[in-house]
């Protein structure tokens, strides 16, 4: 069992940056692939980025490639991060982290039902 708690959201001006954190409570954090997703009002939850358990491989949606960066700390902090730069008003959404199997293929990293655990989300609002 893994409990995920996101933090770091808030209000930022367009062009600004935020770093989201997702703390994992439970054992074997390093065995999970971790993903970040977001959901804007009236829209489907969309994939943003994912990272392997070892942290050696990362994957990004085209919409955030070059602006967002995912990383993780498998040691004392058991945390995955999402660094978001050059934020735009269309990045406004609730951001969720998720934990899934270490055996997910690169294509499967984008598939929401394949993730086993989800956090409650943190709101990010980008003003123009």
Foldseek 3Di string as FASTA:
>chain_A
DKAKAKDWADEAAAQAKTKMKIFIPDPDLLQWKKFKWWDAPPDDIWTAKIAASVRPDMDGDPVQPPFWDWGADVPPRSMIMIIGGRDDQVVWTWMKMFIAGNPQDNVRSGPVVRTDYMYPTDTHGYHD
